[in-house]
Amino acid sequence: MKNTLKISSILTWFNLIVWGLFVIILLLFALSFHSIAFLVIAFFLSAIVLHNYAALQLQKSIRNPAIKLSNHTPTGIRFVGFIALFLGVCYLANGFQVLKDPLGYLKLVQTQAPELFKTLPVANIREGGAIALGLGICICANVFLNFRLLRWYYLVKQSDIS
């Protein structure tokens, strides 16, 4: 379980920093462009940040059993974790689709904003797909590991009571 805790801790900090920056950038875009769309996207992506914060609380409680876990943290890990897992699966699917057909994706984005994506090379599209795939894997793996750690925490807590 030590390896699971280490891997989960690394993924939690990685996701917390990366997705925290994404949410902050989206909030700044929402303020500067007066756009509700950026605000809604930031709201949904904040589920990943909230899940990682709750996971840090769980990991702290596992490392130091004297620190009790809040009553809301397990619910947050489960409920917000499912939202984060959904977003991770969406990123996985997006990454697979982009890597499968980068030219089709390039044509799609060129029809939506031709002036922005006129000179975009296919290699950049592939890099974006690989990054989306990697981020999706990090999110999904972290959520599954935190679900497993939460179950292990309850089993240890239950055996201590008995």
Protein backbone atom coordinates (compact mmCIF):
# COMPACT_ATOMS: atom_id res chain seq x y z
CA MET A 1 0.00 0.00 0.00
CA LYS A 2 3.04 2.27 0.41
CA ASN A 3 3.64 2.25 -3.35
CA THR A 4 0.01 3.10 -4.00
CA LEU A 5 0.25 5.97 -1.55
CA LYS A 6 3.44 7.29 -3.18
CA ILE A 7 2.08 7.08 -6.71
CA SER A 8 -1.20 8.63 -5.63
CA SER A 9 0.63 11.43 -3.87
CA ILE A 10 2.72 12.22 -6.96
CA LEU A 11 -0.32 12.15 -9.25
CA THR A 12 -2.34 14.23 -6.79
CA TRP A 13 0.26 16.98 -6.62
CA PHE A 14 0.75 16.90 -10.42
CA ASN A 15 -2.99 17.14 -11.08
CA LEU A 16 -3.46 19.78 -8.40
CA ILE A 17 -0.79 22.04 -9.90
CA VAL A 18 -1.64 21.49 -13.59
CA TRP A 19 -5.42 21.69 -13.27
CA GLY A 20 -5.20 24.48 -10.72
CA LEU A 21 -3.27 26.53 -13.27
CA PHE A 22 -5.82 25.66 -15.98
CA VAL A 23 -8.69 26.78 -13.75
CA ILE A 24 -6.92 30.03 -12.82
CA ILE A 25 -6.19 30.76 -16.49
CA LEU A 26 -9.79 30.06 -17.45
CA LEU A 27 -11.04 32.33 -14.67
CA LEU A 28 -8.75 35.10 -15.92
CA PHE A 29 -10.07 34.56 -19.46
CA ALA A 30 -13.63 34.74 -18.13
CA LEU A 31 -12.86 38.04 -16.43
CA SER A 32 -11.02 39.57 -19.36
CA PHE A 33 -13.41 38.45 -22.12
CA HIS A 34 -16.62 38.68 -20.05
CA SER A 35 -17.45 35.16 -21.18
CA ILE A 36 -19.69 32.78 -19.31
CA ALA A 37 -18.34 29.84 -21.35
CA PHE A 38 -14.87 30.12 -19.76
CA LEU A 39 -16.50 30.35 -16.34
CA VAL A 40 -18.55 27.19 -16.91
CA ILE A 41 -15.52 25.26 -18.15
CA ALA A 42 -13.51 26.45 -15.13
CA PHE A 43 -16.34 25.32 -12.85
CA PHE A 44 -16.31 21.80 -14.27
CA LEU A 45 -12.51 21.53 -14.28
CA SER A 46 -12.44 22.66 -10.66
CA ALA A 47 -13.85 19.23 -9.78
CA ILE A 48 -10.41 17.80 -10.53
CA VAL A 49 -8.79 20.32 -8.21
CA LEU A 50 -11.32 19.67 -5.44
CA HIS A 51 -10.85 15.92 -5.74
CA ASN A 52 -7.10 16.31 -5.44
CA TYR A 53 -7.43 18.54 -2.38
CA ALA A 54 -9.65 15.93 -0.71
CA ALA A 55 -7.15 13.25 -1.70
CA LEU A 56 -4.38 15.21 0.03
CA GLN A 57 -6.48 15.24 3.19
CA LEU A 58 -6.97 11.48 2.92
CA GLN A 59 -3.27 10.86 2.37
CA LYS A 60 -2.40 13.04 5.35
CA SER A 61 -4.81 11.05 7.49
CA ILE A 62 -3.37 7.74 6.27
CA ARG A 63 0.20 8.83 6.99
CA ASN A 64 -0.69 10.14 10.44
CA PRO A 65 -3.59 8.18 11.96
CA ALA A 66 -3.92 10.75 14.77
CA ILE A 67 -5.28 13.21 12.21
CA LYS A 68 -8.93 12.38 11.74
CA LEU A 69 -10.55 12.61 8.33
CA SER A 70 -13.41 15.10 8.07
CA ASN A 71 -16.92 13.73 7.59
CA HIS A 72 -17.23 15.49 4.23
CA THR A 73 -13.92 14.34 2.76
CA PRO A 74 -14.94 10.75 1.86
CA THR A 75 -18.11 12.02 0.22
CA GLY A 76 -16.05 14.60 -1.67
CA ILE A 77 -13.59 11.97 -2.81
CA ARG A 78 -16.39 9.75 -4.08
CA PHE A 79 -18.79 12.28 -5.61
CA VAL A 80 -16.29 14.78 -6.98
CA GLY A 81 -14.08 11.84 -7.94
CA PHE A 82 -16.76 10.52 -10.27
CA ILE A 83 -16.98 13.93 -11.93
CA ALA A 84 -13.18 14.05 -12.23
CA LEU A 85 -13.21 10.50 -13.59
CA PHE A 86 -15.77 11.52 -16.21
CA LEU A 87 -13.56 14.44 -17.25
CA GLY A 88 -10.53 12.14 -17.36
CA VAL A 89 -12.35 9.70 -19.61
CA CYS A 90 -13.39 12.61 -21.85
CA TYR A 91 -9.75 13.67 -22.12
CA LEU A 92 -8.73 10.08 -22.88
CA ALA A 93 -11.35 9.81 -25.62
CA ASN A 94 -10.35 13.18 -27.05
CA GLY A 95 -6.66 12.20 -27.07
CA PHE A 96 -7.38 8.87 -28.76
CA GLN A 97 -9.55 10.53 -31.40
CA VAL A 98 -6.98 13.22 -32.16
CA LEU A 99 -4.16 10.67 -32.41
CA LYS A 100 -6.30 8.39 -34.58
CA ASP A 101 -7.18 11.06 -37.15
CA PRO A 102 -5.09 14.24 -36.77
CA LEU A 103 -5.91 15.50 -40.28
CA GLY A 104 -9.63 15.20 -39.66
CA TYR A 105 -9.25 17.08 -36.39
CA LEU A 106 -7.19 19.77 -38.11
CA LYS A 107 -9.93 20.22 -40.73
CA LEU A 108 -12.52 20.43 -37.96
CA VAL A 109 -10.72 23.19 -36.06
CA GLN A 110 -9.91 25.02 -39.30
CA THR A 111 -13.62 25.22 -40.16
CA GLN A 112 -14.36 26.67 -36.72
CA ALA A 113 -11.59 29.29 -36.67
CA PRO A 114 -9.74 29.40 -40.02
CA GLU A 115 -7.65 32.48 -39.20
CA LEU A 116 -6.22 30.89 -36.02
CA PHE A 117 -5.47 27.43 -37.36
CA LYS A 118 -4.50 28.20 -40.96
CA THR A 119 -0.81 27.34 -40.55
CA LEU A 120 -1.04 24.78 -37.75
CA PRO A 121 1.10 21.72 -38.58
CA VAL A 122 -0.18 18.18 -38.06
CA ALA A 123 2.72 17.49 -35.66
CA ASN A 124 1.29 20.05 -33.23
CA ILE A 125 -2.10 18.36 -33.45
CA ARG A 126 -0.48 15.02 -32.60
CA GLU A 127 1.38 16.61 -29.67
CA GLY A 128 -1.89 18.03 -28.37
CA GLY A 129 -3.52 14.62 -28.64
CA ALA A 130 -0.66 12.98 -26.78
CA ILE A 131 -0.84 15.62 -24.04
CA ALA A 132 -4.62 15.14 -23.73
CA LEU A 133 -4.10 11.38 -23.54
CA GLY A 134 -1.44 11.76 -20.85
CA LEU A 135 -3.54 14.16 -18.79
CA GLY A 136 -6.54 11.84 -19.04
CA ILE A 137 -4.46 8.90 -17.87
CA CYS A 138 -3.15 10.94 -14.91
CA ILE A 139 -6.66 11.95 -13.88
CA CYS A 140 -8.18 8.47 -14.20
CA ALA A 141 -5.29 6.70 -12.48
CA ASN A 142 -5.35 9.19 -9.62
CA VAL A 143 -9.09 8.84 -9.08
CA PHE A 144 -8.89 5.03 -9.05
CA LEU A 145 -5.95 5.06 -6.66
CA ASN A 146 -7.73 7.46 -4.32
CA PHE A 147 -10.86 5.30 -4.35
CA ARG A 148 -8.66 2.37 -3.42
CA LEU A 149 -6.92 4.35 -0.65
CA LEU A 150 -10.28 5.44 0.75
CA ARG A 151 -11.48 1.85 0.87
CA TRP A 152 -8.22 0.81 2.54
CA TYR A 153 -8.57 3.68 5.05
CA TYR A 154 -12.04 2.46 6.02
CA LEU A 155 -10.85 -1.14 6.37
CA VAL A 156 -7.99 -0.09 8.67
CA LYS A 157 -10.28 2.19 10.63
CA GLN A 158 -12.85 -0.59 11.01
CA SER A 159 -10.24 -3.11 12.15
CA ASP A 160 -8.96 -0.61 14.74
CA ILE A 161 -12.45 -0.26 16.21
CA SER A 162 -12.99 -4.02 16.42
